[in-house]
Structure formats: C-alpha cells, structure tokens
C-alpha cells in the first residue's frame, strides 16, 4: 500500500552524460569538422578567403579541453586554465590535419577522439613546461604582481560579451592572454639569467 508521502518523495533522477556541461555529440561535432575542412580546402582551391572556425567547433574544442582537465590526473593543477587554452590553441592549429577520410569501426569519423588526444598532449607539454620553470615563475609573480595572472573569464563569458564579439573572439582573447603571460615569463627568465651571469663575472 502506497501513501501520499511515498508518491511525493521520489529518488533524484540520474543525470545523463548528455546533460553534462562538457558533453559533445561526437557525430555532430565530427560532421561540423568535416564540413569546415572541406570548406577551407574549397576556398583555398578557388583562391577565396579561408572561413573562420565556426562558433560550434570553438565551443566543442573548449568543452573537450575543459572536460579532460577535470579528470583526476589533471584537476589538481593550479595552471589548469593555461592547460585548457594551450589545448584549444593546439586544436585550432591542428584542425586542417584532421583526416576527413578516416573512419572508425562504426564507419563514422571520430573527431572527438582525435582532438581529445591533441588536448592530452598539450596538457603534458604544459605540465613539463611549468615544472621546468616553476622557480622563475614564482620570482616573476613576486616581481610583476598577482594582477598579471588575474583572469577576466567571468566578464568575457557574460552573455553580452558573447553576443557582441562572438565566442571565437572571446576564445582568442583568452589564448592571447595566456600567450602574453608566457612571453613575459620568458623575457623575465632571459633577463634574470643574464643578470645572474653578470653577477658571476663580477
């Protein structure tokens, strides 16, 4: 016999993977990549302007990178934002290398697996890079101040910003910001190294 209380209290519905914020529909994504690569090749052949990566593809790159960065072996790194932006940048650079003729056992292309692998290796490169220059980065933070490392992610991803400038522009700003900080650290390292060598000579 069921009471009124029994009918009101229901166990929470299981959240589907498809509901996740980092979910990418592989078939739709693969089709979008395939169409983009074909469009670029056609434009190059006809001597026309190469089309920009679509907002959908850009969002998928970010979702793939973000999703991978939340895996247990990457989630604890403090420079996860840099890892994600490295991965997105690498995906954008590698899109024309995607083999549109390649198929899997299902008979369909698997762009998701291809770009996940690119993200994975981008993460590994960033981890190695950060470990190598950890000391110099701490010195740079002391010298430059924390404001150089502050992210404007929330402002950039506000609805108005996306509508005004487009998601790809927002993505480009984040990549440029990451590259700018990397460049500053590199210059600081160079300066610090030459200063240390000068002190040794003296």
C-alpha atoms as a PDB file:
ATOM      1  CA  UNK A   1       0.000   0.000   0.000  1.00  0.00           C
ATOM      2  CA  UNK A   2       1.453   3.388  -1.028  1.00  0.00           C
ATOM      3  CA  UNK A   3       0.804   6.544   0.950  1.00  0.00           C
ATOM      4  CA  UNK A   4       0.630  10.123  -0.334  1.00  0.00           C
ATOM      5  CA  UNK A   5       4.127  10.722   1.110  1.00  0.00           C
ATOM      6  CA  UNK A   6       5.537   7.790  -0.885  1.00  0.00           C
ATOM      7  CA  UNK A   7       4.259   9.252  -4.137  1.00  0.00           C
ATOM      8  CA  UNK A   8       5.676  12.696  -3.352  1.00  0.00           C
ATOM      9  CA  UNK A   9       9.194  11.540  -2.353  1.00  0.00           C
ATOM     10  CA  UNK A  10      10.980  10.272  -5.434  1.00  0.00           C
ATOM     11  CA  UNK A  11      14.656   9.446  -5.769  1.00  0.00           C
ATOM     12  CA  UNK A  12      16.560  12.075  -7.779  1.00  0.00           C
ATOM     13  CA  UNK A  13      16.765  11.257 -11.483  1.00  0.00           C
ATOM     14  CA  UNK A  14      20.147  10.017 -12.633  1.00  0.00           C
ATOM     15  CA  UNK A  15      21.987  12.703 -14.528  1.00  0.00           C
ATOM     16  CA  UNK A  16      22.746  11.607 -18.055  1.00  0.00           C
ATOM     17  CA  UNK A  17      26.196  12.144 -19.519  1.00  0.00           C
ATOM     18  CA  UNK A  18      24.436  14.083 -22.258  1.00  0.00           C
ATOM     19  CA  UNK A  19      23.339  16.676 -19.676  1.00  0.00           C
ATOM     20  CA  UNK A  20      26.930  17.410 -18.646  1.00  0.00           C
ATOM     21  CA  UNK A  21      28.334  20.860 -19.384  1.00  0.00           C
ATOM     22  CA  UNK A  22      31.302  19.285 -21.187  1.00  0.00           C
ATOM     23  CA  UNK A  23      29.253  16.865 -23.299  1.00  0.00           C
ATOM     24  CA  UNK A  24      29.996  16.892 -27.038  1.00  0.00           C
ATOM     25  CA  UNK A  25      27.898  14.953 -29.527  1.00  0.00           C
ATOM     26  CA  UNK A  26      30.642  13.130 -31.444  1.00  0.00           C
ATOM     27  CA  UNK A  27      28.651  12.596 -34.627  1.00  0.00           C
ATOM     28  CA  UNK A  28      27.532  16.241 -34.898  1.00  0.00           C
ATOM     29  CA  UNK A  29      30.991  17.521 -33.972  1.00  0.00           C
ATOM     30  CA  UNK A  30      32.743  15.214 -36.475  1.00  0.00           C
ATOM     31  CA  UNK A  31      30.352  16.330 -39.208  1.00  0.00           C
ATOM     32  CA  UNK A  32      30.996  20.003 -38.393  1.00  0.00           C
ATOM     33  CA  UNK A  33      34.791  19.459 -38.532  1.00  0.00           C
ATOM     34  CA  UNK A  34      34.482  17.540 -41.808  1.00  0.00           C
ATOM     35  CA  UNK A  35      32.361  20.310 -43.388  1.00  0.00           C
ATOM     36  CA  UNK A  36      34.754  23.009 -42.159  1.00  0.00           C
ATOM     37  CA  UNK A  37      37.858  21.250 -43.556  1.00  0.00           C
ATOM     38  CA  UNK A  38      36.078  20.761 -46.892  1.00  0.00           C
ATOM     39  CA  UNK A  39      35.027  24.448 -46.939  1.00  0.00           C
ATOM     40  CA  UNK A  40      38.615  25.593 -46.261  1.00  0.00           C
ATOM     41  CA  UNK A  41      40.036  23.353 -48.985  1.00  0.00           C
ATOM     42  CA  UNK A  42      37.421  24.574 -51.466  1.00  0.00           C
ATOM     43  CA  UNK A  43      38.183  28.226 -50.576  1.00  0.00           C
ATOM     44  CA  UNK A  44      41.944  27.671 -50.992  1.00  0.00           C
ATOM     45  CA  UNK A  45      41.389  25.954 -54.334  1.00  0.00           C
ATOM     46  CA  UNK A  46      39.236  28.841 -55.620  1.00  0.00           C
ATOM     47  CA  UNK A  47      41.594  31.477 -54.197  1.00  0.00           C
ATOM     48  CA  UNK A  48      38.897  32.771 -51.836  1.00  0.00           C
ATOM     49  CA  UNK A  49      39.190  33.919 -48.231  1.00  0.00           C
ATOM     50  CA  UNK A  50      39.504  30.999 -45.804  1.00  0.00           C
ATOM     51  CA  UNK A  51      36.455  30.801 -43.483  1.00  0.00           C
ATOM     52  CA  UNK A  52      36.869  31.157 -39.732  1.00  0.00           C
ATOM     53  CA  UNK A  53      36.292  28.212 -37.427  1.00  0.00           C
ATOM     54  CA  UNK A  54      32.611  28.121 -36.515  1.00  0.00           C
ATOM     55  CA  UNK A  55      31.410  29.035 -33.040  1.00  0.00           C
ATOM     56  CA  UNK A  56      30.095  25.490 -32.631  1.00  0.00           C
ATOM     57  CA  UNK A  57      33.532  23.949 -33.299  1.00  0.00           C
ATOM     58  CA  UNK A  58      35.176  26.501 -30.991  1.00  0.00           C
ATOM     59  CA  UNK A  59      32.755  25.654 -28.189  1.00  0.00           C
ATOM     60  CA  UNK A  60      33.376  21.934 -28.717  1.00  0.00           C
ATOM     61  CA  UNK A  61      37.159  22.439 -28.502  1.00  0.00           C
ATOM     62  CA  UNK A  62      36.686  24.263 -25.198  1.00  0.00           C
ATOM     63  CA  UNK A  63      34.301  21.579 -23.878  1.00  0.00           C
ATOM     64  CA  UNK A  64      36.707  18.769 -24.810  1.00  0.00           C
ATOM     65  CA  UNK A  65      39.650  20.555 -23.160  1.00  0.00           C
ATOM     66  CA  UNK A  66      37.640  21.542 -20.063  1.00  0.00           C
ATOM     67  CA  UNK A  67      36.223  18.032 -19.732  1.00  0.00           C
ATOM     68  CA  UNK A  68      39.670  16.445 -19.939  1.00  0.00           C
ATOM     69  CA  UNK A  69      41.075  18.965 -17.437  1.00  0.00           C
ATOM     70  CA  UNK A  70      38.510  17.767 -14.866  1.00  0.00           C
ATOM     71  CA  UNK A  71      39.855  14.205 -14.985  1.00  0.00           C
ATOM     72  CA  UNK A  72      41.578  13.094 -11.724  1.00  0.00           C
ATOM     73  CA  UNK A  73      45.084  13.226 -13.240  1.00  0.00           C
ATOM     74  CA  UNK A  74      44.714  16.912 -14.275  1.00  0.00           C
ATOM     75  CA  UNK A  75      42.135  18.527 -11.941  1.00  0.00           C
ATOM     76  CA  UNK A  76      44.606  19.482  -9.164  1.00  0.00           C
ATOM     77  CA  UNK A  77      46.982  21.571 -11.265  1.00  0.00           C
ATOM     78  CA  UNK A  78      46.828  25.266 -10.410  1.00  0.00           C
ATOM     79  CA  UNK A  79      47.582  26.257 -14.016  1.00  0.00           C
ATOM     80  CA  UNK A  80      44.591  24.370 -15.451  1.00  0.00           C
ATOM     81  CA  UNK A  81      43.393  27.491 -17.330  1.00  0.00           C
ATOM     82  CA  UNK A  82      46.727  27.625 -19.196  1.00  0.00           C
ATOM     83  CA  UNK A  83      46.455  23.897 -19.944  1.00  0.00           C
ATOM     84  CA  UNK A  84      42.966  24.347 -21.376  1.00  0.00           C
ATOM     85  CA  UNK A  85      43.943  27.348 -23.516  1.00  0.00           C
ATOM     86  CA  UNK A  86      47.052  25.526 -24.809  1.00  0.00           C
ATOM     87  CA  UNK A  87      44.807  22.620 -25.777  1.00  0.00           C
ATOM     88  CA  UNK A  88      42.244  24.823 -27.562  1.00  0.00           C
ATOM     89  CA  UNK A  89      45.022  26.649 -29.420  1.00  0.00           C
ATOM     90  CA  UNK A  90      46.565  23.321 -30.486  1.00  0.00           C
ATOM     91  CA  UNK A  91      43.159  22.053 -31.678  1.00  0.00           C
ATOM     92  CA  UNK A  92      42.665  25.173 -33.819  1.00  0.00           C
ATOM     93  CA  UNK A  93      46.132  24.748 -35.330  1.00  0.00           C
ATOM     94  CA  UNK A  94      45.593  21.011 -35.961  1.00  0.00           C
ATOM     95  CA  UNK A  95      42.114  21.125 -37.489  1.00  0.00           C
ATOM     96  CA  UNK A  96      43.425  21.080 -41.067  1.00  0.00           C
ATOM     97  CA  UNK A  97      45.477  17.955 -40.260  1.00  0.00           C
ATOM     98  CA  UNK A  98      42.304  16.045 -39.445  1.00  0.00           C
ATOM     99  CA  UNK A  99      41.914  13.172 -41.895  1.00  0.00           C
ATOM    100  CA  UNK A 100      38.334  13.532 -43.153  1.00  0.00           C
ATOM    101  CA  UNK A 101      38.604  10.198 -44.976  1.00  0.00           C
ATOM    102  CA  UNK A 102      39.462   8.265 -41.790  1.00  0.00           C
ATOM    103  CA  UNK A 103      36.652   6.205 -40.310  1.00  0.00           C
ATOM    104  CA  UNK A 104      36.313   4.048 -37.205  1.00  0.00           C
ATOM    105  CA  UNK A 105      34.783   0.596 -36.664  1.00  0.00           C
ATOM    106  CA  UNK A 106      31.355   2.235 -36.714  1.00  0.00           C
ATOM    107  CA  UNK A 107      32.018   3.618 -40.188  1.00  0.00           C
ATOM    108  CA  UNK A 108      31.849   7.219 -38.941  1.00  0.00           C
ATOM    109  CA  UNK A 109      34.669   9.744 -38.373  1.00  0.00           C
ATOM    110  CA  UNK A 110      35.744  10.259 -34.748  1.00  0.00           C
ATOM    111  CA  UNK A 111      36.866  13.862 -34.395  1.00  0.00           C
ATOM    112  CA  UNK A 112      36.243  13.727 -30.632  1.00  0.00           C
ATOM    113  CA  UNK A 113      38.976  11.097 -30.091  1.00  0.00           C
ATOM    114  CA  UNK A 114      41.390  12.955 -32.396  1.00  0.00           C
ATOM    115  CA  UNK A 115      41.069  16.300 -30.623  1.00  0.00           C
ATOM    116  CA  UNK A 116      40.987  14.716 -27.148  1.00  0.00           C
ATOM    117  CA  UNK A 117      44.411  13.249 -27.915  1.00  0.00           C
ATOM    118  CA  UNK A 118      45.658  16.668 -29.048  1.00  0.00           C
ATOM    119  CA  UNK A 119      44.376  18.175 -25.768  1.00  0.00           C
ATOM    120  CA  UNK A 120      46.038  15.408 -23.756  1.00  0.00           C
ATOM    121  CA  UNK A 121      49.477  16.045 -25.281  1.00  0.00           C
ATOM    122  CA  UNK A 122      49.011  19.816 -24.910  1.00  0.00           C
ATOM    123  CA  UNK A 123      48.372  19.239 -21.176  1.00  0.00           C
ATOM    124  CA  UNK A 124      51.508  17.082 -20.849  1.00  0.00           C
ATOM    125  CA  UNK A 125      53.644  19.735 -22.598  1.00  0.00           C
ATOM    126  CA  UNK A 126      52.273  22.470 -20.309  1.00  0.00           C
ATOM    127  CA  UNK A 127      52.917  20.363 -17.163  1.00  0.00           C
ATOM    128  CA  UNK A 128      56.521  19.727 -18.246  1.00  0.00           C
ATOM    129  CA  UNK A 129      56.982  23.402 -19.102  1.00  0.00           C
ATOM    130  CA  UNK A 130      55.560  24.569 -15.761  1.00  0.00           C
ATOM    131  CA  UNK A 131      57.709  22.122 -13.776  1.00  0.00           C
ATOM    132  CA  UNK A 132      60.792  23.306 -15.633  1.00  0.00           C
ATOM    133  CA  UNK A 133      60.170  27.000 -14.995  1.00  0.00           C
ATOM    134  CA  UNK A 134      58.393  26.864 -11.613  1.00  0.00           C
ATOM    135  CA  UNK A 135      61.105  28.762  -9.720  1.00  0.00           C
ATOM    136  CA  UNK A 136      61.374  31.505 -12.320  1.00  0.00           C
ATOM    137  CA  UNK A 137      57.560  31.818 -12.415  1.00  0.00           C
ATOM    138  CA  UNK A 138      57.406  32.387  -8.648  1.00  0.00           C
ATOM    139  CA  UNK A 139      60.051  35.103  -8.969  1.00  0.00           C
ATOM    140  CA  UNK A 140      58.095  36.656 -11.841  1.00  0.00           C
ATOM    141  CA  UNK A 141      54.863  36.697  -9.782  1.00  0.00           C
ATOM    142  CA  UNK A 142      56.733  38.429  -6.932  1.00  0.00           C
ATOM    143  CA  UNK A 143      58.151  40.962  -9.369  1.00  0.00           C
ATOM    144  CA  UNK A 144      55.058  41.571 -11.543  1.00  0.00           C
ATOM    145  CA  UNK A 145      52.256  41.181  -9.002  1.00  0.00           C
ATOM    146  CA  UNK A 146      49.201  38.924  -8.999  1.00  0.00           C
ATOM    147  CA  UNK A 147      47.120  41.222 -11.244  1.00  0.00           C
ATOM    148  CA  UNK A 148      49.040  39.921 -14.289  1.00  0.00           C
ATOM    149  CA  UNK A 149      47.646  36.470 -13.578  1.00  0.00           C
ATOM    150  CA  UNK A 150      44.062  37.507 -12.825  1.00  0.00           C
ATOM    151  CA  UNK A 151      41.591  36.051 -15.322  1.00  0.00           C
ATOM    152  CA  UNK A 152      38.634  38.002 -16.682  1.00  0.00           C
ATOM    153  CA  UNK A 153      36.861  34.767 -17.546  1.00  0.00           C
ATOM    154  CA  UNK A 154      33.536  35.704 -15.925  1.00  0.00           C
ATOM    155  CA  UNK A 155      33.333  39.066 -17.721  1.00  0.00           C
ATOM    156  CA  UNK A 156      34.429  37.584 -21.032  1.00  0.00           C
ATOM    157  CA  UNK A 157      31.866  34.805 -20.831  1.00  0.00           C
ATOM    158  CA  UNK A 158      28.962  37.062 -19.883  1.00  0.00           C
ATOM    159  CA  UNK A 159      26.028  36.855 -22.317  1.00  0.00           C
ATOM    160  CA  UNK A 160      26.514  40.404 -23.617  1.00  0.00           C
ATOM    161  CA  UNK A 161      30.170  39.805 -24.414  1.00  0.00           C
ATOM    162  CA  UNK A 162      29.381  36.628 -26.369  1.00  0.00           C
ATOM    163  CA  UNK A 163      26.617  38.350 -28.338  1.00  0.00           C
ATOM    164  CA  UNK A 164      28.716  41.430 -29.095  1.00  0.00           C
ATOM    165  CA  UNK A 165      32.030  39.931 -30.106  1.00  0.00           C
ATOM    166  CA  UNK A 166      31.315  36.254 -30.747  1.00  0.00           C
ATOM    167  CA  UNK A 167      32.564  33.224 -28.893  1.00  0.00           C
ATOM    168  CA  UNK A 168      35.612  32.723 -31.134  1.00  0.00           C
ATOM    169  CA  UNK A 169      36.803  36.267 -30.353  1.00  0.00           C
ATOM    170  CA  UNK A 170      36.395  35.567 -26.631  1.00  0.00           C
ATOM    171  CA  UNK A 171      38.372  32.340 -27.044  1.00  0.00           C
ATOM    172  CA  UNK A 172      41.083  34.194 -28.972  1.00  0.00           C
ATOM    173  CA  UNK A 173      41.355  36.790 -26.164  1.00  0.00           C
ATOM    174  CA  UNK A 174      41.882  34.034 -23.591  1.00  0.00           C
ATOM    175  CA  UNK A 175      44.549  32.361 -25.744  1.00  0.00           C
ATOM    176  CA  UNK A 176      46.260  35.723 -26.387  1.00  0.00           C
ATOM    177  CA  UNK A 177      46.257  36.494 -22.648  1.00  0.00           C
ATOM    178  CA  UNK A 178      47.843  33.123 -21.881  1.00  0.00           C
ATOM    179  CA  UNK A 179      50.470  33.674 -24.611  1.00  0.00           C
ATOM    180  CA  UNK A 180      51.177  37.177 -23.310  1.00  0.00           C
ATOM    181  CA  UNK A 181      51.892  35.882 -19.780  1.00  0.00           C
ATOM    182  CA  UNK A 182      54.087  33.093 -21.214  1.00  0.00           C
ATOM    183  CA  UNK A 183      56.007  35.704 -23.222  1.00  0.00           C
ATOM    184  CA  UNK A 184      56.507  37.918 -20.157  1.00  0.00           C
ATOM    185  CA  UNK A 185      57.809  34.946 -18.126  1.00  0.00           C
ATOM    186  CA  UNK A 186      60.166  34.017 -20.973  1.00  0.00           C
ATOM    187  CA  UNK A 187      61.520  37.584 -21.160  1.00  0.00           C
ATOM    188  CA  UNK A 188      61.858  37.739 -17.363  1.00  0.00           C
ATOM    189  CA  UNK A 189      63.728  34.412 -17.378  1.00  0.00           C
ATOM    190  CA  UNK A 190      66.100  35.704 -20.076  1.00  0.00           C
ATOM    191  CA  UNK A 191      66.706  38.931 -18.147  1.00  0.00           C
ATOM    192  CA  UNK A 192      67.143  37.066 -14.848  1.00  0.00           C
ATOM    193  CA  UNK A 193      69.565  34.594 -16.445  1.00  0.00           C
ATOM    194  CA  UNK A 194      71.771  37.313 -17.967  1.00  0.00           C
ATOM    195  CA  UNK A 195      71.718  39.231 -14.660  1.00  0.00           C
ATOM    196  CA  UNK A 196      72.847  36.104 -12.774  1.00  0.00           C
ATOM    197  CA  UNK A 197      75.657  35.518 -15.298  1.00  0.00           C
ATOM    198  CA  UNK A 198      76.772  39.152 -14.905  1.00  0.00           C
ATOM    199  CA  UNK A 199      76.885  38.768 -11.116  1.00  0.00           C
ATOM    200  CA  UNK A 200      79.043  35.636 -11.516  1.00  0.00           C
ATOM    201  CA  UNK A 201      81.501  37.510 -13.748  1.00  0.00           C
ATOM    202  CA  UNK A 202      81.706  40.387 -11.252  1.00  0.00           C
END
